[in-house]
Amino acid sequence: MMLRGTRVLARVSANGEPVVGSDGRVEVRYKAQDAKAYRAAKRNLEPIAGEAQMPDDAVVAATAASASKTKADRAQTVAATKYPEGTVIVYADGACSGNPGPAGIGVVIQDAQGRRELSQFLGEGTNNIAELTAVLEAAHAIEDHDCPVRIHTDSKYAIGVLSMGWKAKANTELIGRVREALKPFKDLQLIHVPGHAGVLLNERADALAVQAVKTTDSPGWKSY
């Protein structure tokens, strides 16, 4: 199946329906011979037409507990990070029902003035477009380019094409716009945060993105 733009193996029933565990998530793997098992929300999984099911014995035994612990540890590290005084903290996320399909973004900005949130419907798009657009809208919303800014995203793709020199085969125009929007900031970092790992503001950004997809609404920025 596809998970946020990445091919994964997902545990399914005999009729191809994702098997949801007691935690409300589906077991996924990135490779059949990789013992690390991860958990994904069913709504983020999209079947790939023509893909045949694999028998259980084609995949090595899972080490879900250790993988889950690693993800939790990474999330705790991000949540506990101390930033310089006056740092603007941003969490940006995208959601897509299908890939492509109806897409939306969620952004949370925390600074000295309080918290601002954005839930915005994008129309038809992909997960990667949504993730990039969330970062773009966050950059546009921060007027002070001199203060430290830390933008958290669970999209390794966004971080890769924006700050790690990954060569993009698609979305090149959008990537260029995001890079230009980030250039004026004197101290900006893109930080990867594990998705769906209990990091409060990241969970909120995800909820705002999903809300946009479900309601097809764009109420604009709200301050709290």
C-alpha atoms as a PDB file:
ATOM      1  CA  MET A   1       0.000   0.000   0.000  1.00  0.00           C
ATOM      2  CA  MET A   2       0.956   3.665  -0.105  1.00  0.00           C
ATOM      3  CA  LEU A   3       1.602   5.464   3.177  1.00  0.00           C
ATOM      4  CA  ARG A   4       2.064   9.232   2.801  1.00  0.00           C
ATOM      5  CA  GLY A   5       3.687   8.764  -0.603  1.00  0.00           C
ATOM      6  CA  THR A   6       5.835   5.753   0.355  1.00  0.00           C
ATOM      7  CA  ARG A   7       5.277   2.108  -0.628  1.00  0.00           C
ATOM      8  CA  VAL A   8       4.882  -0.112   2.442  1.00  0.00           C
ATOM      9  CA  LEU A   9       3.690  -3.594   3.347  1.00  0.00           C
ATOM     10  CA  ALA A  10       0.528  -3.509   5.454  1.00  0.00           C
ATOM     11  CA  ARG A  11      -1.123  -6.337   7.376  1.00  0.00           C
ATOM     12  CA  VAL A  12      -4.484  -7.114   5.783  1.00  0.00           C
ATOM     13  CA  SER A  13      -7.269  -9.671   6.103  1.00  0.00           C
ATOM     14  CA  ALA A  14      -8.056 -12.329   3.481  1.00  0.00           C
ATOM     15  CA  ASN A  15     -10.247  -9.841   1.605  1.00  0.00           C
ATOM     16  CA  GLY A  16      -7.491  -7.210   1.528  1.00  0.00           C
ATOM     17  CA  GLU A  17      -8.875  -5.004   4.299  1.00  0.00           C
ATOM     18  CA  PRO A  18      -6.228  -3.467   6.635  1.00  0.00           C
ATOM     19  CA  VAL A  19      -6.243  -5.174  10.032  1.00  0.00           C
ATOM     20  CA  VAL A  20      -6.676  -2.590  12.785  1.00  0.00           C
ATOM     21  CA  GLY A  21      -5.098  -3.557  16.109  1.00  0.00           C
ATOM     22  CA  SER A  22      -6.157  -2.744  19.656  1.00  0.00           C
ATOM     23  CA  ASP A  23      -4.308   0.571  19.401  1.00  0.00           C
ATOM     24  CA  GLY A  24      -6.443   1.595  16.422  1.00  0.00           C
ATOM     25  CA  ARG A  25      -3.561   1.288  13.939  1.00  0.00           C
ATOM     26  CA  VAL A  26      -2.343  -1.095  11.253  1.00  0.00           C
ATOM     27  CA  GLU A  27       1.000  -2.929  11.281  1.00  0.00           C
ATOM     28  CA  VAL A  28       3.239  -1.807   8.406  1.00  0.00           C
ATOM     29  CA  ARG A  29       6.761  -2.644   7.224  1.00  0.00           C
ATOM     30  CA  TYR A  30       9.057  -0.902   4.788  1.00  0.00           C
ATOM     31  CA  LYS A  31      10.677  -4.161   3.658  1.00  0.00           C
ATOM     32  CA  ALA A  32       9.687  -7.816   3.926  1.00  0.00           C
ATOM     33  CA  GLN A  33      13.030  -8.714   5.502  1.00  0.00           C
ATOM     34  CA  ASP A  34      13.018  -5.789   7.935  1.00  0.00           C
ATOM     35  CA  ALA A  35      11.988  -6.968  11.402  1.00  0.00           C
ATOM     36  CA  LYS A  36      11.023  -3.473  12.519  1.00  0.00           C
ATOM     37  CA  ALA A  37       7.249  -3.115  12.476  1.00  0.00           C
ATOM     38  CA  TYR A  38       5.546   0.264  12.595  1.00  0.00           C
ATOM     39  CA  ARG A  39       1.957   1.359  13.201  1.00  0.00           C
ATOM     40  CA  ALA A  40      -0.035   3.542  10.816  1.00  0.00           C
ATOM     41  CA  ALA A  41      -3.542   4.973  10.837  1.00  0.00           C
ATOM     42  CA  LYS A  42      -5.839   3.108   8.442  1.00  0.00           C
ATOM     43  CA  ARG A  43      -6.960   6.368   6.840  1.00  0.00           C
ATOM     44  CA  ASN A  44      -3.361   7.040   5.726  1.00  0.00           C
ATOM     45  CA  LEU A  45      -3.088   3.743   3.815  1.00  0.00           C
ATOM     46  CA  GLU A  46      -4.099   3.511   0.164  1.00  0.00           C
ATOM     47  CA  PRO A  47      -4.213   0.227  -1.805  1.00  0.00           C
ATOM     48  CA  ILE A  48      -2.037  -0.067  -4.904  1.00  0.00           C
ATOM     49  CA  ALA A  49      -3.988  -1.447  -7.855  1.00  0.00           C
ATOM     50  CA  GLY A  50      -2.761  -4.835  -9.031  1.00  0.00           C
ATOM     51  CA  GLU A  51      -0.610  -5.611  -5.985  1.00  0.00           C
ATOM     52  CA  ALA A  52      -0.975  -9.232  -4.821  1.00  0.00           C
ATOM     53  CA  GLN A  53      -1.167 -10.197  -1.168  1.00  0.00           C
ATOM     54  CA  MET A  54       1.859 -11.869   0.420  1.00  0.00           C
ATOM     55  CA  PRO A  55       1.625 -14.795   2.868  1.00  0.00           C
ATOM     56  CA  ASP A  56       2.697 -14.165   6.451  1.00  0.00           C
ATOM     57  CA  ASP A  57       5.768 -16.385   6.112  1.00  0.00           C
ATOM     58  CA  ALA A  58       7.116 -14.102   3.347  1.00  0.00           C
ATOM     59  CA  VAL A  59       7.800 -11.481   6.000  1.00  0.00           C
ATOM     60  CA  VAL A  60      10.255 -11.925   8.891  1.00  0.00           C
ATOM     61  CA  ALA A  61       8.938 -11.921  12.453  1.00  0.00           C
ATOM     62  CA  ALA A  62       8.232  -8.469  13.792  1.00  0.00           C
ATOM     63  CA  THR A  63       9.985  -6.644  16.609  1.00  0.00           C
ATOM     64  CA  ALA A  64       7.149  -4.214  17.105  1.00  0.00           C
ATOM     65  CA  ALA A  65       7.922  -3.415  20.713  1.00  0.00           C
ATOM     66  CA  SER A  66      11.484  -2.285  20.044  1.00  0.00           C
ATOM     67  CA  ALA A  67      10.454  -0.318  16.948  1.00  0.00           C
ATOM     68  CA  SER A  68       7.651   1.361  18.871  1.00  0.00           C
ATOM     69  CA  LYS A  69      10.017   2.216  21.692  1.00  0.00           C
ATOM     70  CA  THR A  70      12.497   3.754  19.269  1.00  0.00           C
ATOM     71  CA  LYS A  71       9.787   5.929  17.770  1.00  0.00           C
ATOM     72  CA  ALA A  72       8.554   6.933  21.219  1.00  0.00           C
ATOM     73  CA  ASP A  73      12.080   7.793  22.319  1.00  0.00           C
ATOM     74  CA  ARG A  74      12.570   9.989  19.254  1.00  0.00           C
ATOM     75  CA  ALA A  75       9.274  11.721  19.897  1.00  0.00           C
ATOM     76  CA  GLN A  76      10.174  12.318  23.526  1.00  0.00           C
ATOM     77  CA  THR A  77      13.512  13.792  22.489  1.00  0.00           C
ATOM     78  CA  VAL A  78      11.807  16.257  20.148  1.00  0.00           C
ATOM     79  CA  ALA A  79       9.180  17.193  22.731  1.00  0.00           C
ATOM     80  CA  ALA A  80      11.834  17.782  25.400  1.00  0.00           C
ATOM     81  CA  THR A  81      14.159  19.885  23.243  1.00  0.00           C
ATOM     82  CA  LYS A  82      15.015  23.285  24.711  1.00  0.00           C
ATOM     83  CA  TYR A  83      15.186  26.095  22.161  1.00  0.00           C
ATOM     84  CA  PRO A  84      16.784  29.550  22.423  1.00  0.00           C
ATOM     85  CA  GLU A  85      14.703  32.237  24.053  1.00  0.00           C
ATOM     86  CA  GLY A  86      12.302  33.858  21.609  1.00  0.00           C
ATOM     87  CA  THR A  87      12.241  30.867  19.250  1.00  0.00           C
ATOM     88  CA  VAL A  88       9.129  30.515  17.109  1.00  0.00           C
ATOM     89  CA  ILE A  89       7.970  26.895  17.311  1.00  0.00           C
ATOM     90  CA  VAL A  90       6.103  25.558  14.275  1.00  0.00           C
ATOM     91  CA  TYR A  91       4.428  22.229  13.554  1.00  0.00           C
ATOM     92  CA  ALA A  92       3.313  21.725   9.953  1.00  0.00           C
ATOM     93  CA  ASP A  93       1.474  18.729   8.543  1.00  0.00           C
ATOM     94  CA  GLY A  94      -0.407  17.647   5.437  1.00  0.00           C
ATOM     95  CA  ALA A  95      -3.163  15.109   4.853  1.00  0.00           C
ATOM     96  CA  CYS A  96      -4.579  13.504   1.745  1.00  0.00           C
ATOM     97  CA  SER A  97      -7.522  11.153   1.199  1.00  0.00           C
ATOM     98  CA  GLY A  98      -6.042   9.112  -1.612  1.00  0.00           C
ATOM     99  CA  ASN A  99      -2.777   9.970  -3.274  1.00  0.00           C
ATOM    100  CA  PRO A 100      -3.643  12.062  -5.185  1.00  0.00           C
ATOM    101  CA  GLY A 101      -6.965  13.035  -3.673  1.00  0.00           C
ATOM    102  CA  PRO A 102      -8.581  15.761  -1.570  1.00  0.00           C
ATOM    103  CA  ALA A 103      -5.729  17.362   0.404  1.00  0.00           C
ATOM    104  CA  GLY A 104      -5.410  19.714   3.331  1.00  0.00           C
ATOM    105  CA  ILE A 105      -2.849  21.203   5.672  1.00  0.00           C
ATOM    106  CA  GLY A 106      -2.579  21.980   9.350  1.00  0.00           C
ATOM    107  CA  VAL A 107      -0.119  24.430  10.903  1.00  0.00           C
ATOM    108  CA  VAL A 108       0.471  25.380  14.536  1.00  0.00           C
ATOM    109  CA  ILE A 109       2.696  28.344  15.413  1.00  0.00           C
ATOM    110  CA  GLN A 110       3.703  29.002  19.012  1.00  0.00           C
ATOM    111  CA  ASP A 111       5.530  32.247  19.843  1.00  0.00           C
ATOM    112  CA  ALA A 112       5.680  34.962  22.500  1.00  0.00           C
ATOM    113  CA  GLN A 113       2.252  36.265  21.448  1.00  0.00           C
ATOM    114  CA  GLY A 114       0.533  32.914  21.907  1.00  0.00           C
ATOM    115  CA  ARG A 115      -0.609  30.216  19.511  1.00  0.00           C
ATOM    116  CA  ARG A 116      -1.962  30.441  15.964  1.00  0.00           C
ATOM    117  CA  GLU A 117      -3.530  27.599  14.006  1.00  0.00           C
ATOM    118  CA  LEU A 118      -4.356  27.082  10.348  1.00  0.00           C
ATOM    119  CA  SER A 119      -6.622  24.453   8.797  1.00  0.00           C
ATOM    120  CA  GLN A 120      -6.728  24.858   5.014  1.00  0.00           C
ATOM    121  CA  PHE A 121      -8.260  22.782   2.220  1.00  0.00           C
ATOM    122  CA  LEU A 122      -6.088  22.558  -0.908  1.00  0.00           C
ATOM    123  CA  GLY A 123      -8.366  20.722  -3.310  1.00  0.00           C
ATOM    124  CA  GLU A 124      -6.896  17.843  -5.337  1.00  0.00           C
ATOM    125  CA  GLY A 125      -3.293  17.077  -4.445  1.00  0.00           C
ATOM    126  CA  THR A 126      -0.776  14.587  -3.086  1.00  0.00           C
ATOM    127  CA  ASN A 127       0.658  14.005   0.361  1.00  0.00           C
ATOM    128  CA  ASN A 128       3.937  15.578  -0.687  1.00  0.00           C
ATOM    129  CA  ILE A 129       2.225  18.679  -2.045  1.00  0.00           C
ATOM    130  CA  ALA A 130       0.305  19.027   1.205  1.00  0.00           C
ATOM    131  CA  GLU A 131       3.414  18.636   3.358  1.00  0.00           C
ATOM    132  CA  LEU A 132       5.329  21.225   1.325  1.00  0.00           C
ATOM    133  CA  THR A 133       2.418  23.658   1.305  1.00  0.00           C
ATOM    134  CA  ALA A 134       2.121  23.431   5.095  1.00  0.00           C
ATOM    135  CA  VAL A 135       5.750  24.543   5.426  1.00  0.00           C
ATOM    136  CA  LEU A 136       5.157  27.302   2.872  1.00  0.00           C
ATOM    137  CA  GLU A 137       2.139  28.703   4.731  1.00  0.00           C
ATOM    138  CA  ALA A 138       4.059  28.612   8.007  1.00  0.00           C
ATOM    139  CA  ALA A 139       6.917  30.604   6.481  1.00  0.00           C
ATOM    140  CA  HIS A 140       4.513  33.181   5.057  1.00  0.00           C
ATOM    141  CA  ALA A 141       2.851  33.613   8.455  1.00  0.00           C
ATOM    142  CA  ILE A 142       6.065  34.531  10.320  1.00  0.00           C
ATOM    143  CA  GLU A 143       6.924  38.180   9.751  1.00  0.00           C
ATOM    144  CA  ASP A 144      10.018  38.413  11.969  1.00  0.00           C
ATOM    145  CA  HIS A 145      12.883  36.928   9.963  1.00  0.00           C
ATOM    146  CA  ASP A 146      15.468  37.687  12.648  1.00  0.00           C
ATOM    147  CA  CYS A 147      14.114  35.424  15.393  1.00  0.00           C
ATOM    148  CA  PRO A 148      15.029  31.717  15.603  1.00  0.00           C
ATOM    149  CA  VAL A 149      12.461  29.499  13.884  1.00  0.00           C
ATOM    150  CA  ARG A 150      12.083  25.729  14.250  1.00  0.00           C
ATOM    151  CA  ILE A 151       9.665  24.073  11.832  1.00  0.00           C
ATOM    152  CA  HIS A 152       8.718  20.513  12.766  1.00  0.00           C
ATOM    153  CA  THR A 153       7.358  18.125  10.151  1.00  0.00           C
ATOM    154  CA  ASP A 154       6.905  14.360   9.986  1.00  0.00           C
ATOM    155  CA  SER A 155       7.687  14.462   6.247  1.00  0.00           C
ATOM    156  CA  LYS A 156      11.220  13.259   5.524  1.00  0.00           C
ATOM    157  CA  TYR A 157      10.498  14.101   1.885  1.00  0.00           C
ATOM    158  CA  ALA A 158       9.899  17.778   2.690  1.00  0.00           C
ATOM    159  CA  ILE A 159      13.061  17.996   4.768  1.00  0.00           C
ATOM    160  CA  GLY A 160      15.049  16.162   2.107  1.00  0.00           C
ATOM    161  CA  VAL A 161      14.084  18.341  -0.851  1.00  0.00           C
ATOM    162  CA  LEU A 162      14.173  21.595   1.121  1.00  0.00           C
ATOM    163  CA  SER A 163      17.337  21.276   3.198  1.00  0.00           C
ATOM    164  CA  MET A 164      19.267  18.102   2.337  1.00  0.00           C
ATOM    165  CA  GLY A 165      19.840  18.521  -1.382  1.00  0.00           C
ATOM    166  CA  TRP A 166      17.514  15.759  -2.530  1.00  0.00           C
ATOM    167  CA  LYS A 167      16.834  15.989  -6.263  1.00  0.00           C
ATOM    168  CA  ALA A 168      13.103  16.367  -6.850  1.00  0.00           C
ATOM    169  CA  LYS A 169      11.441  14.657  -9.819  1.00  0.00           C
ATOM    170  CA  ALA A 170       8.099  16.326  -9.147  1.00  0.00           C
ATOM    171  CA  ASN A 171       6.720  19.448  -7.450  1.00  0.00           C
ATOM    172  CA  THR A 172       9.776  21.425  -8.552  1.00  0.00           C
ATOM    173  CA  GLU A 173       7.902  24.721  -8.868  1.00  0.00           C
ATOM    174  CA  LEU A 174       6.379  24.364  -5.401  1.00  0.00           C
ATOM    175  CA  ILE A 175       9.706  23.336  -3.895  1.00  0.00           C
ATOM    176  CA  GLY A 176      11.299  26.452  -5.403  1.00  0.00           C
ATOM    177  CA  ARG A 177       8.619  28.656  -3.853  1.00  0.00           C
ATOM    178  CA  VAL A 178       9.110  27.091  -0.428  1.00  0.00           C
ATOM    179  CA  ARG A 179      12.885  27.490  -0.614  1.00  0.00           C
ATOM    180  CA  GLU A 180      12.482  31.159  -1.514  1.00  0.00           C
ATOM    181  CA  ALA A 181      10.080  31.669   1.389  1.00  0.00           C
ATOM    182  CA  LEU A 182      12.604  30.148   3.816  1.00  0.00           C
ATOM    183  CA  LYS A 183      15.622  32.105   2.565  1.00  0.00           C
ATOM    184  CA  PRO A 184      15.022  35.384   4.498  1.00  0.00           C
ATOM    185  CA  PHE A 185      15.166  33.680   7.903  1.00  0.00           C
ATOM    186  CA  LYS A 186      18.515  34.077   9.626  1.00  0.00           C
ATOM    187  CA  ASP A 187      18.129  31.081  11.949  1.00  0.00           C
ATOM    188  CA  LEU A 188      15.657  28.504  10.668  1.00  0.00           C
ATOM    189  CA  GLN A 189      15.784  24.741  11.030  1.00  0.00           C
ATOM    190  CA  LEU A 190      13.549  22.008   9.674  1.00  0.00           C
ATOM    191  CA  ILE A 191      13.213  19.252  12.269  1.00  0.00           C
ATOM    192  CA  HIS A 192      11.813  15.777  11.688  1.00  0.00           C
ATOM    193  CA  VAL A 193       9.281  14.637  14.266  1.00  0.00           C
ATOM    194  CA  PRO A 194       7.792  11.112  14.315  1.00  0.00           C
ATOM    195  CA  GLY A 195       4.184  11.178  13.215  1.00  0.00           C
ATOM    196  CA  HIS A 196       1.431   9.856  15.483  1.00  0.00           C
ATOM    197  CA  ALA A 197       3.811   9.405  18.398  1.00  0.00           C
ATOM    198  CA  GLY A 198       2.077  11.591  20.967  1.00  0.00           C
ATOM    199  CA  VAL A 199       3.895  14.889  20.315  1.00  0.00           C
ATOM    200  CA  LEU A 200       1.079  17.247  21.268  1.00  0.00           C
ATOM    201  CA  LEU A 201       1.474  20.047  18.716  1.00  0.00           C
ATOM    202  CA  ASN A 202       2.248  17.608  15.907  1.00  0.00           C
ATOM    203  CA  GLU A 203      -0.925  15.689  16.697  1.00  0.00           C
ATOM    204  CA  ARG A 204      -2.804  18.994  16.613  1.00  0.00           C
ATOM    205  CA  ALA A 205      -1.349  19.921  13.210  1.00  0.00           C
ATOM    206  CA  ASP A 206      -2.363  16.511  11.879  1.00  0.00           C
ATOM    207  CA  ALA A 207      -5.900  16.949  13.236  1.00  0.00           C
ATOM    208  CA  LEU A 208      -6.181  20.352  11.549  1.00  0.00           C
ATOM    209  CA  ALA A 209      -5.039  18.880   8.221  1.00  0.00           C
ATOM    210  CA  VAL A 210      -7.493  15.988   8.447  1.00  0.00           C
ATOM    211  CA  GLN A 211     -10.258  18.414   9.416  1.00  0.00           C
ATOM    212  CA  ALA A 212      -9.593  20.433   6.258  1.00  0.00           C
ATOM    213  CA  VAL A 213      -9.883  17.320   4.091  1.00  0.00           C
ATOM    214  CA  LYS A 214     -13.099  16.184   5.744  1.00  0.00           C
ATOM    215  CA  THR A 215     -14.840  19.567   5.732  1.00  0.00           C
ATOM    216  CA  THR A 216     -13.267  21.008   2.541  1.00  0.00           C
ATOM    217  CA  ASP A 217     -13.174  24.233   4.531  1.00  0.00           C
ATOM    218  CA  SER A 218     -10.470  26.908   4.961  1.00  0.00           C
ATOM    219  CA  PRO A 219     -11.404  29.137   7.916  1.00  0.00           C
ATOM    220  CA  GLY A 220      -8.004  30.859   7.930  1.00  0.00           C
ATOM    221  CA  TRP A 221      -5.689  31.564  10.831  1.00  0.00           C
ATOM    222  CA  LYS A 222      -7.137  31.486  14.344  1.00  0.00           C
ATOM    223  CA  SER A 223      -5.327  32.891  17.386  1.00  0.00           C
ATOM    224  CA  TYR A 224      -5.493  31.482  20.914  1.00  0.00           C
END
